[in-house]
Amino acid sequence: MASYYAYAAPHKKNVSGVDRKLKRIVIILAMVVGAELCWFLFISPCMPLQAVEVTGIPGIERNLVLNRAGINSHSSYMTVNPAVVEANLEGLYQVKSARVIKHFPDSVMIVLEPREALAFTLVRIGEKITPAFFDKQGVIFKIGTSLEDEPLSPSLPLISGLALNEPILGMRLSPVFTGFLASLERIHTTAPELLTAFSEIRIHPKIYDGFDLILYPNHNPVRIRSAAELHEDMLRYMMLAIDVIVSQGTQVDEIDFRTGTASYTLKEASSG
């Protein structure tokens, strides 16, 4: 028995030594993993951003976007507030909406949606007459265009009579036109072909308050007077009524649809 215990004791001592080495290795690995987790979870998100991607509007100045967003070389994943950045960016006249996507732990993507032209008007800039484009909110976001680079859509109507004097980018049309713009957008969405039937839509102020619309058909020399808001059914009725009246050989100067039914005035006969 004595010899057995004398033999077994060294084996137990060797096992204990291996356990201690394994414990040291486990502790070291745990410290390394813990350090990496601390860096990844707590330190890296507080470090300056490694990447900020801006997409959605070709040609927009990156520095303009970042300055408006409030993102600089000291910004980090933790300090970027998406709601605040989005609100700031939507103040740019070119931007319809903005979305900020944070990628943990050190990058941000900014996705911009550009404003889309609902209509355009002609304005005087200095000595030059040039188109000014506005969206459904009445925001003028572009002045001037190259027809070679960006041909005008046939469904993009010309709106005249807005009385804009030296407009600037970011200017918003008067709230009085809110209903008109909303009706124009509905037609642009549901039946854009109706807008191609007219060469111009003129705003005609009333004597006391509000305004009427005067529409000029492309293929008939007849003015159409309408209420301040356009409706698809009424536009279709207008086109039918024009065809009927003109086909009868009636010399019409203007057709009035403001009451919902067509009434017209005849052209004055020329004397001599």
C-alpha atoms as a PDB file:
ATOM      1  CA  MET A   1       0.000   0.000   0.000  1.00  0.00           C
ATOM      2  CA  ALA A   2       2.786   2.365   0.851  1.00  0.00           C
ATOM      3  CA  SER A   3       4.367   1.874  -2.492  1.00  0.00           C
ATOM      4  CA  TYR A   4       1.036   2.622  -4.218  1.00  0.00           C
ATOM      5  CA  TYR A   5       0.567   5.944  -2.548  1.00  0.00           C
ATOM      6  CA  ALA A   6       4.180   6.834  -3.199  1.00  0.00           C
ATOM      7  CA  TYR A   7       3.566   6.188  -6.903  1.00  0.00           C
ATOM      8  CA  ALA A   8       0.161   7.917  -7.142  1.00  0.00           C
ATOM      9  CA  ALA A   9       1.135  11.200  -5.528  1.00  0.00           C
ATOM     10  CA  PRO A  10       3.346  12.448  -8.392  1.00  0.00           C
ATOM     11  CA  HIS A  11       0.571  11.698 -10.929  1.00  0.00           C
ATOM     12  CA  LYS A  12      -1.897  13.810  -8.977  1.00  0.00           C
ATOM     13  CA  LYS A  13       0.618  16.603  -8.806  1.00  0.00           C
ATOM     14  CA  ASN A  14       1.088  16.534 -12.597  1.00  0.00           C
ATOM     15  CA  VAL A  15      -2.697  16.678 -13.163  1.00  0.00           C
ATOM     16  CA  SER A  16      -2.969  19.695 -10.892  1.00  0.00           C
ATOM     17  CA  GLY A  17      -0.237  21.438 -12.881  1.00  0.00           C
ATOM     18  CA  VAL A  18      -2.105  20.871 -16.162  1.00  0.00           C
ATOM     19  CA  ASP A  19      -5.308  22.226 -14.638  1.00  0.00           C
ATOM     20  CA  ARG A  20      -3.548  25.396 -13.579  1.00  0.00           C
ATOM     21  CA  LYS A  21      -2.136  25.890 -17.069  1.00  0.00           C
ATOM     22  CA  LEU A  22      -5.568  25.340 -18.620  1.00  0.00           C
ATOM     23  CA  LYS A  23      -7.076  27.819 -16.185  1.00  0.00           C
ATOM     24  CA  ARG A  24      -4.452  30.393 -17.137  1.00  0.00           C
ATOM     25  CA  ILE A  25      -5.155  29.853 -20.831  1.00  0.00           C
ATOM     26  CA  VAL A  26      -8.926  30.146 -20.265  1.00  0.00           C
ATOM     27  CA  ILE A  27      -8.456  33.312 -18.220  1.00  0.00           C
ATOM     28  CA  ILE A  28      -6.218  34.849 -20.884  1.00  0.00           C
ATOM     29  CA  LEU A  29      -8.664  33.937 -23.643  1.00  0.00           C
ATOM     30  CA  ALA A  30     -11.552  35.338 -21.598  1.00  0.00           C
ATOM     31  CA  MET A  31      -9.637  38.572 -21.072  1.00  0.00           C
ATOM     32  CA  VAL A  32      -8.891  38.839 -24.793  1.00  0.00           C
ATOM     33  CA  VAL A  33     -12.489  38.133 -25.771  1.00  0.00           C
ATOM     34  CA  GLY A  34     -13.751  40.503 -23.082  1.00  0.00           C
ATOM     35  CA  ALA A  35     -11.427  43.234 -24.321  1.00  0.00           C
ATOM     36  CA  GLU A  36     -12.617  42.749 -27.887  1.00  0.00           C
ATOM     37  CA  LEU A  37     -16.241  42.826 -26.778  1.00  0.00           C
ATOM     38  CA  CYS A  38     -15.638  46.000 -24.778  1.00  0.00           C
ATOM     39  CA  TRP A  39     -14.021  47.585 -27.827  1.00  0.00           C
ATOM     40  CA  PHE A  40     -16.783  46.444 -30.157  1.00  0.00           C
ATOM     41  CA  LEU A  41     -19.733  47.239 -27.882  1.00  0.00           C
ATOM     42  CA  PHE A  42     -18.610  50.271 -25.918  1.00  0.00           C
ATOM     43  CA  ILE A  43     -15.516  51.912 -27.383  1.00  0.00           C
ATOM     44  CA  SER A  44     -15.866  51.571 -31.164  1.00  0.00           C
ATOM     45  CA  PRO A  45     -19.397  53.098 -31.299  1.00  0.00           C
ATOM     46  CA  CYS A  46     -17.998  56.165 -29.558  1.00  0.00           C
ATOM     47  CA  MET A  47     -15.106  56.550 -31.981  1.00  0.00           C
ATOM     48  CA  PRO A  48     -15.385  58.796 -35.090  1.00  0.00           C
ATOM     49  CA  LEU A  49     -17.365  57.267 -37.945  1.00  0.00           C
ATOM     50  CA  GLN A  50     -15.336  55.242 -40.427  1.00  0.00           C
ATOM     51  CA  ALA A  51     -17.815  55.616 -43.319  1.00  0.00           C
ATOM     52  CA  VAL A  52     -20.728  57.914 -44.233  1.00  0.00           C
ATOM     53  CA  GLU A  53     -22.476  57.042 -47.508  1.00  0.00           C
ATOM     54  CA  VAL A  54     -24.790  59.538 -49.234  1.00  0.00           C
ATOM     55  CA  THR A  55     -27.085  58.256 -51.994  1.00  0.00           C
ATOM     56  CA  GLY A  56     -30.284  59.176 -53.817  1.00  0.00           C
ATOM     57  CA  ILE A  57     -29.637  62.543 -55.467  1.00  0.00           C
ATOM     58  CA  PRO A  58     -26.834  62.522 -58.061  1.00  0.00           C
ATOM     59  CA  GLY A  59     -24.858  65.725 -58.143  1.00  0.00           C
ATOM     60  CA  ILE A  60     -25.818  67.019 -54.705  1.00  0.00           C
ATOM     61  CA  GLU A  61     -22.769  68.271 -52.822  1.00  0.00           C
ATOM     62  CA  ARG A  62     -21.648  65.800 -50.172  1.00  0.00           C
ATOM     63  CA  ASN A  63     -20.324  68.568 -47.904  1.00  0.00           C
ATOM     64  CA  LEU A  64     -23.676  70.359 -48.125  1.00  0.00           C
ATOM     65  CA  VAL A  65     -25.480  67.195 -47.009  1.00  0.00           C
ATOM     66  CA  LEU A  66     -23.070  66.463 -44.150  1.00  0.00           C
ATOM     67  CA  ASN A  67     -23.109  70.048 -42.905  1.00  0.00           C
ATOM     68  CA  ARG A  68     -26.895  70.131 -42.934  1.00  0.00           C
ATOM     69  CA  ALA A  69     -26.986  66.726 -41.219  1.00  0.00           C
ATOM     70  CA  GLY A  70     -24.653  67.952 -38.492  1.00  0.00           C
ATOM     71  CA  ILE A  71     -22.171  65.138 -39.181  1.00  0.00           C
ATOM     72  CA  ASN A  72     -18.473  65.980 -38.959  1.00  0.00           C
ATOM     73  CA  SER A  73     -15.136  64.308 -38.290  1.00  0.00           C
ATOM     74  CA  HIS A  74     -15.982  63.953 -34.591  1.00  0.00           C
ATOM     75  CA  SER A  75     -19.406  62.329 -35.086  1.00  0.00           C
ATOM     76  CA  SER A  76     -19.781  58.746 -33.945  1.00  0.00           C
ATOM     77  CA  TYR A  77     -22.353  55.983 -34.149  1.00  0.00           C
ATOM     78  CA  MET A  78     -23.577  56.951 -30.694  1.00  0.00           C
ATOM     79  CA  THR A  79     -23.912  60.679 -31.379  1.00  0.00           C
ATOM     80  CA  VAL A  80     -25.828  60.424 -34.674  1.00  0.00           C
ATOM     81  CA  ASN A  81     -29.572  60.791 -34.022  1.00  0.00           C
ATOM     82  CA  PRO A  82     -31.439  59.564 -37.133  1.00  0.00           C
ATOM     83  CA  ALA A  83     -34.638  61.532 -36.425  1.00  0.00           C
ATOM     84  CA  VAL A  84     -32.744  64.803 -35.995  1.00  0.00           C
ATOM     85  CA  VAL A  85     -30.567  64.220 -39.074  1.00  0.00           C
ATOM     86  CA  GLU A  86     -33.593  63.345 -41.222  1.00  0.00           C
ATOM     87  CA  ALA A  87     -35.451  66.483 -40.109  1.00  0.00           C
ATOM     88  CA  ASN A  88     -32.401  68.626 -40.872  1.00  0.00           C
ATOM     89  CA  LEU A  89     -31.923  67.134 -44.337  1.00  0.00           C
ATOM     90  CA  GLU A  90     -35.570  67.543 -45.270  1.00  0.00           C
ATOM     91  CA  GLY A  91     -34.986  71.272 -44.906  1.00  0.00           C
ATOM     92  CA  LEU A  92     -32.891  71.215 -48.078  1.00  0.00           C
ATOM     93  CA  TYR A  93     -34.911  72.424 -51.055  1.00  0.00           C
ATOM     94  CA  GLN A  94     -33.695  69.490 -53.197  1.00  0.00           C
ATOM     95  CA  VAL A  95     -34.825  66.837 -50.693  1.00  0.00           C
ATOM     96  CA  LYS A  96     -38.330  65.427 -50.549  1.00  0.00           C
ATOM     97  CA  SER A  97     -37.490  62.983 -47.752  1.00  0.00           C
ATOM     98  CA  ALA A  98     -34.419  61.559 -46.035  1.00  0.00           C
ATOM     99  CA  ARG A  99     -33.685  58.265 -44.330  1.00  0.00           C
ATOM    100  CA  VAL A 100     -30.710  57.626 -42.049  1.00  0.00           C
ATOM    101  CA  ILE A 101     -29.539  54.030 -41.536  1.00  0.00           C
ATOM    102  CA  LYS A 102     -26.926  53.342 -38.866  1.00  0.00           C
ATOM    103  CA  HIS A 103     -24.693  50.291 -39.314  1.00  0.00           C
ATOM    104  CA  PHE A 104     -23.169  49.190 -36.035  1.00  0.00           C
ATOM    105  CA  PRO A 105     -20.565  50.016 -34.919  1.00  0.00           C
ATOM    106  CA  ASP A 106     -19.085  52.789 -37.054  1.00  0.00           C
ATOM    107  CA  SER A 107     -20.899  53.649 -40.305  1.00  0.00           C
ATOM    108  CA  VAL A 108     -23.978  55.555 -41.467  1.00  0.00           C
ATOM    109  CA  MET A 109     -25.932  55.555 -44.729  1.00  0.00           C
ATOM    110  CA  ILE A 110     -27.975  58.592 -45.777  1.00  0.00           C
ATOM    111  CA  VAL A 111     -30.629  57.889 -48.412  1.00  0.00           C
ATOM    112  CA  LEU A 112     -32.164  60.991 -49.992  1.00  0.00           C
ATOM    113  CA  GLU A 113     -35.343  61.092 -52.061  1.00  0.00           C
ATOM    114  CA  PRO A 114     -35.359  63.990 -54.532  1.00  0.00           C
ATOM    115  CA  ARG A 115     -38.297  66.279 -55.112  1.00  0.00           C
ATOM    116  CA  GLU A 116     -40.258  65.477 -58.252  1.00  0.00           C
ATOM    117  CA  ALA A 117     -41.625  68.145 -60.540  1.00  0.00           C
ATOM    118  CA  LEU A 118     -45.408  68.394 -60.592  1.00  0.00           C
ATOM    119  CA  ALA A 119     -45.496  71.364 -62.946  1.00  0.00           C
ATOM    120  CA  PHE A 120     -43.431  74.316 -64.078  1.00  0.00           C
ATOM    121  CA  THR A 121     -43.875  77.990 -64.722  1.00  0.00           C
ATOM    122  CA  LEU A 122     -41.898  80.555 -66.690  1.00  0.00           C
ATOM    123  CA  VAL A 123     -40.079  83.230 -64.713  1.00  0.00           C
ATOM    124  CA  ARG A 124     -37.808  86.117 -65.488  1.00  0.00           C
ATOM    125  CA  ILE A 125     -34.281  85.895 -64.108  1.00  0.00           C
ATOM    126  CA  GLY A 126     -32.560  89.113 -65.044  1.00  0.00           C
ATOM    127  CA  GLU A 127     -33.198  89.488 -68.759  1.00  0.00           C
ATOM    128  CA  LYS A 128     -33.861  85.802 -69.342  1.00  0.00           C
ATOM    129  CA  ILE A 129     -37.113  83.840 -69.315  1.00  0.00           C
ATOM    130  CA  THR A 130     -36.528  80.379 -67.877  1.00  0.00           C
ATOM    131  CA  PRO A 131     -38.614  77.519 -66.463  1.00  0.00           C
ATOM    132  CA  ALA A 132     -38.977  77.090 -62.701  1.00  0.00           C
ATOM    133  CA  PHE A 133     -40.063  73.665 -61.470  1.00  0.00           C
ATOM    134  CA  PHE A 134     -42.087  73.010 -58.327  1.00  0.00           C
ATOM    135  CA  ASP A 135     -43.361  69.885 -56.601  1.00  0.00           C
ATOM    136  CA  LYS A 136     -46.682  68.926 -55.014  1.00  0.00           C
ATOM    137  CA  GLN A 137     -45.842  71.003 -51.951  1.00  0.00           C
ATOM    138  CA  GLY A 138     -45.294  74.076 -54.089  1.00  0.00           C
ATOM    139  CA  VAL A 139     -41.540  74.181 -53.409  1.00  0.00           C
ATOM    140  CA  ILE A 140     -39.473  75.628 -56.258  1.00  0.00           C
ATOM    141  CA  PHE A 141     -36.503  73.272 -56.329  1.00  0.00           C
ATOM    142  CA  LYS A 142     -35.081  73.861 -59.790  1.00  0.00           C
ATOM    143  CA  ILE A 143     -34.769  76.906 -62.006  1.00  0.00           C
ATOM    144  CA  GLY A 144     -33.666  76.463 -65.586  1.00  0.00           C
ATOM    145  CA  THR A 145     -32.959  73.220 -67.431  1.00  0.00           C
ATOM    146  CA  SER A 146     -31.206  71.819 -70.452  1.00  0.00           C
ATOM    147  CA  LEU A 147     -33.741  70.227 -72.756  1.00  0.00           C
ATOM    148  CA  GLU A 148     -31.006  67.996 -74.146  1.00  0.00           C
ATOM    149  CA  ASP A 149     -30.111  66.629 -70.724  1.00  0.00           C
ATOM    150  CA  GLU A 150     -33.620  66.628 -69.293  1.00  0.00           C
ATOM    151  CA  PRO A 151     -36.487  66.873 -71.789  1.00  0.00           C
ATOM    152  CA  LEU A 152     -39.768  68.047 -70.329  1.00  0.00           C
ATOM    153  CA  SER A 153     -42.392  65.379 -69.764  1.00  0.00           C
ATOM    154  CA  PRO A 154     -45.553  65.880 -71.859  1.00  0.00           C
ATOM    155  CA  SER A 155     -47.608  65.430 -68.679  1.00  0.00           C
ATOM    156  CA  LEU A 156     -45.729  68.243 -66.951  1.00  0.00           C
ATOM    157  CA  PRO A 157     -48.119  71.196 -67.307  1.00  0.00           C
ATOM    158  CA  LEU A 158     -47.162  74.817 -67.731  1.00  0.00           C
ATOM    159  CA  ILE A 159     -48.806  76.920 -65.010  1.00  0.00           C
ATOM    160  CA  SER A 160     -48.928  80.633 -65.754  1.00  0.00           C
ATOM    161  CA  GLY A 161     -50.258  83.617 -63.833  1.00  0.00           C
ATOM    162  CA  LEU A 162     -48.418  82.839 -60.578  1.00  0.00           C
ATOM    163  CA  ALA A 163     -46.828  86.308 -60.554  1.00  0.00           C
ATOM    164  CA  LEU A 164     -43.447  85.169 -59.266  1.00  0.00           C
ATOM    165  CA  ASN A 165     -40.920  87.987 -59.260  1.00  0.00           C
ATOM    166  CA  GLU A 166     -37.264  86.884 -59.295  1.00  0.00           C
ATOM    167  CA  PRO A 167     -37.938  83.560 -57.514  1.00  0.00           C
ATOM    168  CA  ILE A 168     -35.211  81.764 -55.591  1.00  0.00           C
ATOM    169  CA  LEU A 169     -34.596  78.091 -54.972  1.00  0.00           C
ATOM    170  CA  GLY A 170     -36.514  76.844 -51.969  1.00  0.00           C
ATOM    171  CA  MET A 171     -39.293  79.415 -52.348  1.00  0.00           C
ATOM    172  CA  ARG A 172     -42.747  77.988 -51.684  1.00  0.00           C
ATOM    173  CA  LEU A 173     -45.904  78.964 -53.551  1.00  0.00           C
ATOM    174  CA  SER A 174     -48.679  80.677 -51.601  1.00  0.00           C
ATOM    175  CA  PRO A 175     -50.859  78.378 -49.440  1.00  0.00           C
ATOM    176  CA  VAL A 176     -53.828  79.575 -51.517  1.00  0.00           C
ATOM    177  CA  PHE A 177     -52.705  77.096 -54.189  1.00  0.00           C
ATOM    178  CA  THR A 178     -52.652  74.053 -51.858  1.00  0.00           C
ATOM    179  CA  GLY A 179     -55.964  72.644 -53.090  1.00  0.00           C
ATOM    180  CA  PHE A 180     -55.088  73.229 -56.724  1.00  0.00           C
ATOM    181  CA  LEU A 181     -51.728  71.473 -56.361  1.00  0.00           C
ATOM    182  CA  ALA A 182     -53.355  68.524 -54.595  1.00  0.00           C
ATOM    183  CA  SER A 183     -55.891  68.144 -57.403  1.00  0.00           C
ATOM    184  CA  LEU A 184     -53.141  68.429 -60.000  1.00  0.00           C
ATOM    185  CA  GLU A 185     -51.169  65.679 -58.264  1.00  0.00           C
ATOM    186  CA  ARG A 186     -54.193  63.358 -58.229  1.00  0.00           C
ATOM    187  CA  ILE A 187     -54.628  63.730 -61.972  1.00  0.00           C
ATOM    188  CA  HIS A 188     -50.897  63.394 -62.567  1.00  0.00           C
ATOM    189  CA  THR A 189     -51.042  60.068 -60.691  1.00  0.00           C
ATOM    190  CA  THR A 190     -54.289  58.594 -62.030  1.00  0.00           C
ATOM    191  CA  ALA A 191     -54.654  60.051 -65.538  1.00  0.00           C
ATOM    192  CA  PRO A 192     -51.534  61.947 -66.678  1.00  0.00           C
ATOM    193  CA  GLU A 193     -52.643  61.697 -70.302  1.00  0.00           C
ATOM    194  CA  LEU A 194     -55.326  64.304 -69.582  1.00  0.00           C
ATOM    195  CA  LEU A 195     -52.671  66.883 -68.779  1.00  0.00           C
ATOM    196  CA  THR A 196     -51.040  66.397 -72.170  1.00  0.00           C
ATOM    197  CA  ALA A 197     -54.229  67.722 -73.794  1.00  0.00           C
ATOM    198  CA  PHE A 198     -53.478  71.268 -72.583  1.00  0.00           C
ATOM    199  CA  SER A 199     -50.635  73.562 -73.508  1.00  0.00           C
ATOM    200  CA  GLU A 200     -51.125  75.870 -70.536  1.00  0.00           C
ATOM    201  CA  ILE A 201     -53.123  76.288 -67.331  1.00  0.00           C
ATOM    202  CA  ARG A 202     -53.454  79.902 -66.258  1.00  0.00           C
ATOM    203  CA  ILE A 203     -54.227  81.162 -62.770  1.00  0.00           C
ATOM    204  CA  HIS A 204     -56.875  83.910 -63.119  1.00  0.00           C
ATOM    205  CA  PRO A 205     -57.473  85.859 -59.878  1.00  0.00           C
ATOM    206  CA  LYS A 206     -61.025  86.749 -58.984  1.00  0.00           C
ATOM    207  CA  ILE A 207     -61.921  90.329 -58.192  1.00  0.00           C
ATOM    208  CA  TYR A 208     -62.355  89.796 -54.467  1.00  0.00           C
ATOM    209  CA  ASP A 209     -60.874  86.458 -53.410  1.00  0.00           C
ATOM    210  CA  GLY A 210     -59.591  83.192 -54.817  1.00  0.00           C
ATOM    211  CA  PHE A 211     -58.990  82.354 -58.444  1.00  0.00           C
ATOM    212  CA  ASP A 212     -60.313  80.487 -61.451  1.00  0.00           C
ATOM    213  CA  LEU A 213     -58.352  78.400 -63.914  1.00  0.00           C
ATOM    214  CA  ILE A 214     -58.167  79.020 -67.637  1.00  0.00           C
ATOM    215  CA  LEU A 215     -57.060  75.996 -69.641  1.00  0.00           C
ATOM    216  CA  TYR A 216     -55.792  76.136 -73.207  1.00  0.00           C
ATOM    217  CA  PRO A 217     -56.334  72.922 -75.222  1.00  0.00           C
ATOM    218  CA  ASN A 218     -53.549  71.893 -77.589  1.00  0.00           C
ATOM    219  CA  HIS A 219     -55.707  71.282 -80.636  1.00  0.00           C
ATOM    220  CA  ASN A 220     -58.594  73.716 -80.269  1.00  0.00           C
ATOM    221  CA  PRO A 221     -58.383  77.530 -80.126  1.00  0.00           C
ATOM    222  CA  VAL A 222     -60.924  77.635 -77.300  1.00  0.00           C
ATOM    223  CA  ARG A 223     -60.351  78.821 -73.752  1.00  0.00           C
ATOM    224  CA  ILE A 224     -61.807  76.735 -70.940  1.00  0.00           C
ATOM    225  CA  ARG A 225     -62.692  78.342 -67.619  1.00  0.00           C
ATOM    226  CA  SER A 226     -62.719  76.050 -64.600  1.00  0.00           C
ATOM    227  CA  ALA A 227     -62.990  76.173 -60.814  1.00  0.00           C
ATOM    228  CA  ALA A 228     -59.772  76.318 -58.793  1.00  0.00           C
ATOM    229  CA  GLU A 229     -59.478  72.535 -58.406  1.00  0.00           C
ATOM    230  CA  LEU A 230     -59.296  70.048 -61.242  1.00  0.00           C
ATOM    231  CA  HIS A 231     -61.083  66.685 -61.331  1.00  0.00           C
ATOM    232  CA  GLU A 232     -60.552  63.802 -63.702  1.00  0.00           C
ATOM    233  CA  ASP A 233     -64.243  63.372 -64.556  1.00  0.00           C
ATOM    234  CA  MET A 234     -64.612  67.073 -65.261  1.00  0.00           C
ATOM    235  CA  LEU A 235     -61.561  67.121 -67.529  1.00  0.00           C
ATOM    236  CA  ARG A 236     -62.952  64.212 -69.539  1.00  0.00           C
ATOM    237  CA  TYR A 237     -66.297  66.010 -69.785  1.00  0.00           C
ATOM    238  CA  MET A 238     -64.471  69.142 -70.955  1.00  0.00           C
ATOM    239  CA  MET A 239     -62.726  67.314 -73.769  1.00  0.00           C
ATOM    240  CA  LEU A 240     -65.982  65.703 -74.904  1.00  0.00           C
ATOM    241  CA  ALA A 241     -67.885  68.988 -74.788  1.00  0.00           C
ATOM    242  CA  ILE A 242     -65.189  70.777 -76.799  1.00  0.00           C
ATOM    243  CA  ASP A 243     -65.297  68.142 -79.508  1.00  0.00           C
ATOM    244  CA  VAL A 244     -69.093  68.333 -79.722  1.00  0.00           C
ATOM    245  CA  ILE A 245     -69.277  72.131 -79.783  1.00  0.00           C
ATOM    246  CA  VAL A 246     -66.435  72.570 -82.271  1.00  0.00           C
ATOM    247  CA  SER A 247     -67.797  69.815 -84.534  1.00  0.00           C
ATOM    248  CA  GLN A 248     -71.026  71.798 -84.819  1.00  0.00           C
ATOM    249  CA  GLY A 249     -69.120  74.687 -86.359  1.00  0.00           C
ATOM    250  CA  THR A 250     -69.911  77.036 -83.480  1.00  0.00           C
ATOM    251  CA  GLN A 251     -67.358  79.843 -83.189  1.00  0.00           C
ATOM    252  CA  VAL A 252     -66.689  79.661 -79.454  1.00  0.00           C
ATOM    253  CA  ASP A 253     -64.423  82.030 -77.564  1.00  0.00           C
ATOM    254  CA  GLU A 254     -64.637  80.471 -74.097  1.00  0.00           C
ATOM    255  CA  ILE A 255     -66.410  77.537 -72.447  1.00  0.00           C
ATOM    256  CA  ASP A 256     -67.207  77.891 -68.746  1.00  0.00           C
ATOM    257  CA  PHE A 257     -67.356  74.713 -66.633  1.00  0.00           C
ATOM    258  CA  ARG A 258     -67.315  76.331 -63.188  1.00  0.00           C
ATOM    259  CA  THR A 259     -70.895  75.309 -62.421  1.00  0.00           C
ATOM    260  CA  GLY A 260     -70.354  71.724 -63.553  1.00  0.00           C
ATOM    261  CA  THR A 261     -72.139  72.166 -66.868  1.00  0.00           C
ATOM    262  CA  ALA A 262     -70.843  73.762 -70.049  1.00  0.00           C
ATOM    263  CA  SER A 263     -71.840  77.277 -70.972  1.00  0.00           C
ATOM    264  CA  TYR A 264     -70.037  79.207 -73.656  1.00  0.00           C
ATOM    265  CA  THR A 265     -69.565  82.646 -75.145  1.00  0.00           C
ATOM    266  CA  LEU A 266     -69.373  83.171 -78.878  1.00  0.00           C
ATOM    267  CA  LYS A 267     -66.595  84.966 -80.657  1.00  0.00           C
ATOM    268  CA  GLU A 268     -67.493  88.492 -81.634  1.00  0.00           C
ATOM    269  CA  ALA A 269     -68.044  88.822 -85.357  1.00  0.00           C
ATOM    270  CA  SER A 270     -65.423  91.017 -86.988  1.00  0.00           C
ATOM    271  CA  SER A 271     -66.810  94.035 -88.771  1.00  0.00           C
ATOM    272  CA  GLY A 272     -66.025  95.030 -92.341  1.00  0.00           C
END
